[in-house]
């Protein structure tokens, strides 16, 4: 519900700052609601639309919530377009380091045996080169 003034029954301002003429919430008379003499059995009258309800009725046609603004209705959903573009971008990205370590990605490209073989060969070569480097220094 938008804020409604208790003094004039208009929307979007507060009674503390209202300098307009008072209107009754119950009978739409030119007095404050606290001064109303309307009986409880008498039918209410809206101060905004003159309908058979009090001015603070949420179903009042003058309530801004109930007025539909079809003038500037968007022709396309930008959020769906952005979501589709993001989904496309994410599907084309390479896996992150954490995804590779966790094993959530396809591991066909990572051949563990080949990597271990290469590491063993490198260690053997370093083992052969180390004594040579130590003697020349």
C-alpha atoms as a PDB file:
ATOM      1  CA  UNK A   1       0.000   0.000   0.000  1.00  0.00           C
ATOM      2  CA  UNK A   2       1.341   3.446  -0.791  1.00  0.00           C
ATOM      3  CA  UNK A   3       1.421   5.920   2.091  1.00  0.00           C
ATOM      4  CA  UNK A   4      -1.888   7.709   2.572  1.00  0.00           C
ATOM      5  CA  UNK A   5      -2.465  10.972   4.425  1.00  0.00           C
ATOM      6  CA  UNK A   6      -4.793  10.716   7.446  1.00  0.00           C
ATOM      7  CA  UNK A   7      -5.831  14.334   6.989  1.00  0.00           C
ATOM      8  CA  UNK A   8      -6.879  14.681   3.309  1.00  0.00           C
ATOM      9  CA  UNK A   9      -6.878  10.939   2.366  1.00  0.00           C
ATOM     10  CA  UNK A  10      -4.609  11.564  -0.663  1.00  0.00           C
ATOM     11  CA  UNK A  11      -1.757   9.177  -1.436  1.00  0.00           C
ATOM     12  CA  UNK A  12       2.033   9.594  -1.227  1.00  0.00           C
ATOM     13  CA  UNK A  13       2.350  12.148   1.549  1.00  0.00           C
ATOM     14  CA  UNK A  14       2.105  12.272   5.336  1.00  0.00           C
ATOM     15  CA  UNK A  15      -0.492  14.053   7.459  1.00  0.00           C
ATOM     16  CA  UNK A  16       2.275  15.745   9.451  1.00  0.00           C
ATOM     17  CA  UNK A  17       3.185  17.829   6.404  1.00  0.00           C
ATOM     18  CA  UNK A  18      -0.323  18.195   4.938  1.00  0.00           C
ATOM     19  CA  UNK A  19      -1.848  21.680   4.630  1.00  0.00           C
ATOM     20  CA  UNK A  20      -4.845  20.585   2.535  1.00  0.00           C
ATOM     21  CA  UNK A  21      -8.453  20.720   3.710  1.00  0.00           C
ATOM     22  CA  UNK A  22      -9.378  17.711   5.849  1.00  0.00           C
ATOM     23  CA  UNK A  23     -11.550  14.893   4.510  1.00  0.00           C
ATOM     24  CA  UNK A  24     -13.150  12.226   6.630  1.00  0.00           C
ATOM     25  CA  UNK A  25     -12.028   8.631   6.084  1.00  0.00           C
ATOM     26  CA  UNK A  26     -15.543   7.301   6.760  1.00  0.00           C
ATOM     27  CA  UNK A  27     -17.985   9.778   5.176  1.00  0.00           C
ATOM     28  CA  UNK A  28     -15.741  12.007   2.984  1.00  0.00           C
ATOM     29  CA  UNK A  29     -17.014  15.056   4.851  1.00  0.00           C
ATOM     30  CA  UNK A  30     -14.945  18.215   5.296  1.00  0.00           C
ATOM     31  CA  UNK A  31     -13.731  17.291   8.786  1.00  0.00           C
ATOM     32  CA  UNK A  32     -11.101  15.084  10.408  1.00  0.00           C
ATOM     33  CA  UNK A  33     -11.995  11.419  10.887  1.00  0.00           C
ATOM     34  CA  UNK A  34     -11.694  11.802  14.661  1.00  0.00           C
ATOM     35  CA  UNK A  35     -14.525  14.366  14.552  1.00  0.00           C
ATOM     36  CA  UNK A  36     -16.914  12.204  12.452  1.00  0.00           C
ATOM     37  CA  UNK A  37     -20.439  11.636  13.765  1.00  0.00           C
ATOM     38  CA  UNK A  38     -21.366   8.908  11.257  1.00  0.00           C
ATOM     39  CA  UNK A  39     -22.951   5.864  12.890  1.00  0.00           C
ATOM     40  CA  UNK A  40     -21.362   2.448  12.499  1.00  0.00           C
ATOM     41  CA  UNK A  41     -24.429   1.193  10.593  1.00  0.00           C
ATOM     42  CA  UNK A  42     -24.397   4.001   8.018  1.00  0.00           C
ATOM     43  CA  UNK A  43     -22.680   3.214   4.718  1.00  0.00           C
ATOM     44  CA  UNK A  44     -19.172   4.608   4.233  1.00  0.00           C
ATOM     45  CA  UNK A  45     -18.301   6.970   1.381  1.00  0.00           C
ATOM     46  CA  UNK A  46     -14.832   7.103  -0.128  1.00  0.00           C
ATOM     47  CA  UNK A  47     -13.158  10.510  -0.118  1.00  0.00           C
ATOM     48  CA  UNK A  48     -11.222   9.603  -3.274  1.00  0.00           C
ATOM     49  CA  UNK A  49     -13.781   7.965  -5.599  1.00  0.00           C
ATOM     50  CA  UNK A  50     -17.108   8.449  -3.746  1.00  0.00           C
ATOM     51  CA  UNK A  51     -17.573   4.669  -3.696  1.00  0.00           C
ATOM     52  CA  UNK A  52     -19.370   2.751  -0.899  1.00  0.00           C
ATOM     53  CA  UNK A  53     -16.213   2.028   1.107  1.00  0.00           C
ATOM     54  CA  UNK A  54     -13.841   3.926   3.417  1.00  0.00           C
ATOM     55  CA  UNK A  55     -11.026   5.934   1.827  1.00  0.00           C
ATOM     56  CA  UNK A  56      -8.354   3.498   3.030  1.00  0.00           C
ATOM     57  CA  UNK A  57      -9.966   0.489   1.275  1.00  0.00           C
ATOM     58  CA  UNK A  58      -7.225  -1.356  -0.630  1.00  0.00           C
ATOM     59  CA  UNK A  59      -9.616  -2.196  -3.473  1.00  0.00           C
ATOM     60  CA  UNK A  60     -10.452   1.459  -4.217  1.00  0.00           C
ATOM     61  CA  UNK A  61     -10.060   2.221  -7.951  1.00  0.00           C
ATOM     62  CA  UNK A  62      -8.222   5.462  -7.090  1.00  0.00           C
ATOM     63  CA  UNK A  63      -5.601   3.556  -5.099  1.00  0.00           C
ATOM     64  CA  UNK A  64      -2.342   3.683  -7.128  1.00  0.00           C
ATOM     65  CA  UNK A  65      -1.866  -0.050  -6.600  1.00  0.00           C
ATOM     66  CA  UNK A  66      -5.049  -0.769  -8.554  1.00  0.00           C
ATOM     67  CA  UNK A  67      -4.268   1.445 -11.541  1.00  0.00           C
ATOM     68  CA  UNK A  68      -2.424  -0.384 -14.286  1.00  0.00           C
ATOM     69  CA  UNK A  69       0.039   1.477 -16.429  1.00  0.00           C
ATOM     70  CA  UNK A  70       0.026  -0.216 -19.839  1.00  0.00           C
ATOM     71  CA  UNK A  71       1.508   2.767 -21.663  1.00  0.00           C
ATOM     72  CA  UNK A  72       5.160   1.872 -21.205  1.00  0.00           C
ATOM     73  CA  UNK A  73       4.929  -1.907 -21.188  1.00  0.00           C
ATOM     74  CA  UNK A  74       8.255  -3.366 -22.363  1.00  0.00           C
ATOM     75  CA  UNK A  75       8.214  -5.206 -25.677  1.00  0.00           C
ATOM     76  CA  UNK A  76      10.975  -7.638 -24.775  1.00  0.00           C
ATOM     77  CA  UNK A  77      12.314  -9.200 -21.599  1.00  0.00           C
ATOM     78  CA  UNK A  78      15.848  -7.896 -21.176  1.00  0.00           C
ATOM     79  CA  UNK A  79      16.502 -10.140 -18.178  1.00  0.00           C
ATOM     80  CA  UNK A  80      15.816 -13.309 -20.179  1.00  0.00           C
ATOM     81  CA  UNK A  81      18.138 -12.099 -22.941  1.00  0.00           C
ATOM     82  CA  UNK A  82      20.903 -11.361 -20.434  1.00  0.00           C
ATOM     83  CA  UNK A  83      20.415 -14.733 -18.733  1.00  0.00           C
ATOM     84  CA  UNK A  84      20.664 -16.549 -22.074  1.00  0.00           C
ATOM     85  CA  UNK A  85      23.803 -14.611 -23.015  1.00  0.00           C
ATOM     86  CA  UNK A  86      25.362 -15.369 -19.616  1.00  0.00           C
ATOM     87  CA  UNK A  87      24.505 -19.063 -19.925  1.00  0.00           C
ATOM     88  CA  UNK A  88      26.120 -19.156 -23.375  1.00  0.00           C
ATOM     89  CA  UNK A  89      29.239 -17.400 -22.061  1.00  0.00           C
ATOM     90  CA  UNK A  90      29.555 -19.728 -19.067  1.00  0.00           C
ATOM     91  CA  UNK A  91      29.228 -22.833 -21.244  1.00  0.00           C
ATOM     92  CA  UNK A  92      32.165 -21.648 -23.395  1.00  0.00           C
ATOM     93  CA  UNK A  93      34.526 -20.915 -20.483  1.00  0.00           C
ATOM     94  CA  UNK A  94      37.430 -23.156 -19.598  1.00  0.00           C
ATOM     95  CA  UNK A  95      37.203 -25.023 -16.292  1.00  0.00           C
ATOM     96  CA  UNK A  96      38.641 -23.288 -13.246  1.00  0.00           C
ATOM     97  CA  UNK A  97      41.509 -24.760 -11.239  1.00  0.00           C
ATOM     98  CA  UNK A  98      39.170 -25.766  -8.415  1.00  0.00           C
ATOM     99  CA  UNK A  99      36.845 -27.548 -10.860  1.00  0.00           C
ATOM    100  CA  UNK A 100      39.763 -29.499 -12.275  1.00  0.00           C
ATOM    101  CA  UNK A 101      41.047 -30.430  -8.813  1.00  0.00           C
ATOM    102  CA  UNK A 102      37.603 -31.472  -7.607  1.00  0.00           C
ATOM    103  CA  UNK A 103      37.127 -33.539 -10.714  1.00  0.00           C
ATOM    104  CA  UNK A 104      33.820 -31.939 -11.678  1.00  0.00           C
ATOM    105  CA  UNK A 105      34.934 -31.467 -15.253  1.00  0.00           C
ATOM    106  CA  UNK A 106      35.565 -34.136 -17.851  1.00  0.00           C
ATOM    107  CA  UNK A 107      38.990 -35.594 -17.082  1.00  0.00           C
ATOM    108  CA  UNK A 108      39.563 -37.199 -20.492  1.00  0.00           C
ATOM    109  CA  UNK A 109      41.957 -34.381 -21.392  1.00  0.00           C
ATOM    110  CA  UNK A 110      44.041 -35.081 -18.279  1.00  0.00           C
ATOM    111  CA  UNK A 111      45.878 -38.377 -18.683  1.00  0.00           C
ATOM    112  CA  UNK A 112      47.364 -39.034 -15.242  1.00  0.00           C
ATOM    113  CA  UNK A 113      49.624 -41.862 -16.384  1.00  0.00           C
ATOM    114  CA  UNK A 114      51.200 -39.706 -19.093  1.00  0.00           C
ATOM    115  CA  UNK A 115      51.833 -36.902 -16.619  1.00  0.00           C
ATOM    116  CA  UNK A 116      53.410 -39.288 -14.099  1.00  0.00           C
ATOM    117  CA  UNK A 117      55.642 -40.777 -16.814  1.00  0.00           C
ATOM    118  CA  UNK A 118      56.848 -37.332 -17.861  1.00  0.00           C
ATOM    119  CA  UNK A 119      57.553 -36.379 -14.247  1.00  0.00           C
ATOM    120  CA  UNK A 120      59.553 -39.580 -13.710  1.00  0.00           C
ATOM    121  CA  UNK A 121      61.622 -38.854 -16.830  1.00  0.00           C
ATOM    122  CA  UNK A 122      62.304 -35.307 -15.664  1.00  0.00           C
ATOM    123  CA  UNK A 123      63.405 -36.506 -12.228  1.00  0.00           C
ATOM    124  CA  UNK A 124      65.767 -39.034 -13.824  1.00  0.00           C
ATOM    125  CA  UNK A 125      67.274 -36.324 -16.036  1.00  0.00           C
ATOM    126  CA  UNK A 126      67.709 -33.977 -13.064  1.00  0.00           C
ATOM    127  CA  UNK A 127      69.309 -36.825 -11.141  1.00  0.00           C
ATOM    128  CA  UNK A 128      71.855 -37.233 -13.949  1.00  0.00           C
ATOM    129  CA  UNK A 129      72.485 -33.480 -14.300  1.00  0.00           C
ATOM    130  CA  UNK A 130      72.871 -32.718 -10.592  1.00  0.00           C
ATOM    131  CA  UNK A 131      76.285 -34.397 -10.087  1.00  0.00           C
ATOM    132  CA  UNK A 132      77.600 -32.604 -13.182  1.00  0.00           C
ATOM    133  CA  UNK A 133      76.464 -29.238 -11.867  1.00  0.00           C
ATOM    134  CA  UNK A 134      77.938 -29.923  -8.427  1.00  0.00           C
ATOM    135  CA  UNK A 135      81.380 -30.812  -9.794  1.00  0.00           C
ATOM    136  CA  UNK A 136      81.629 -27.732 -12.010  1.00  0.00           C
ATOM    137  CA  UNK A 137      80.790 -25.271  -9.252  1.00  0.00           C
END
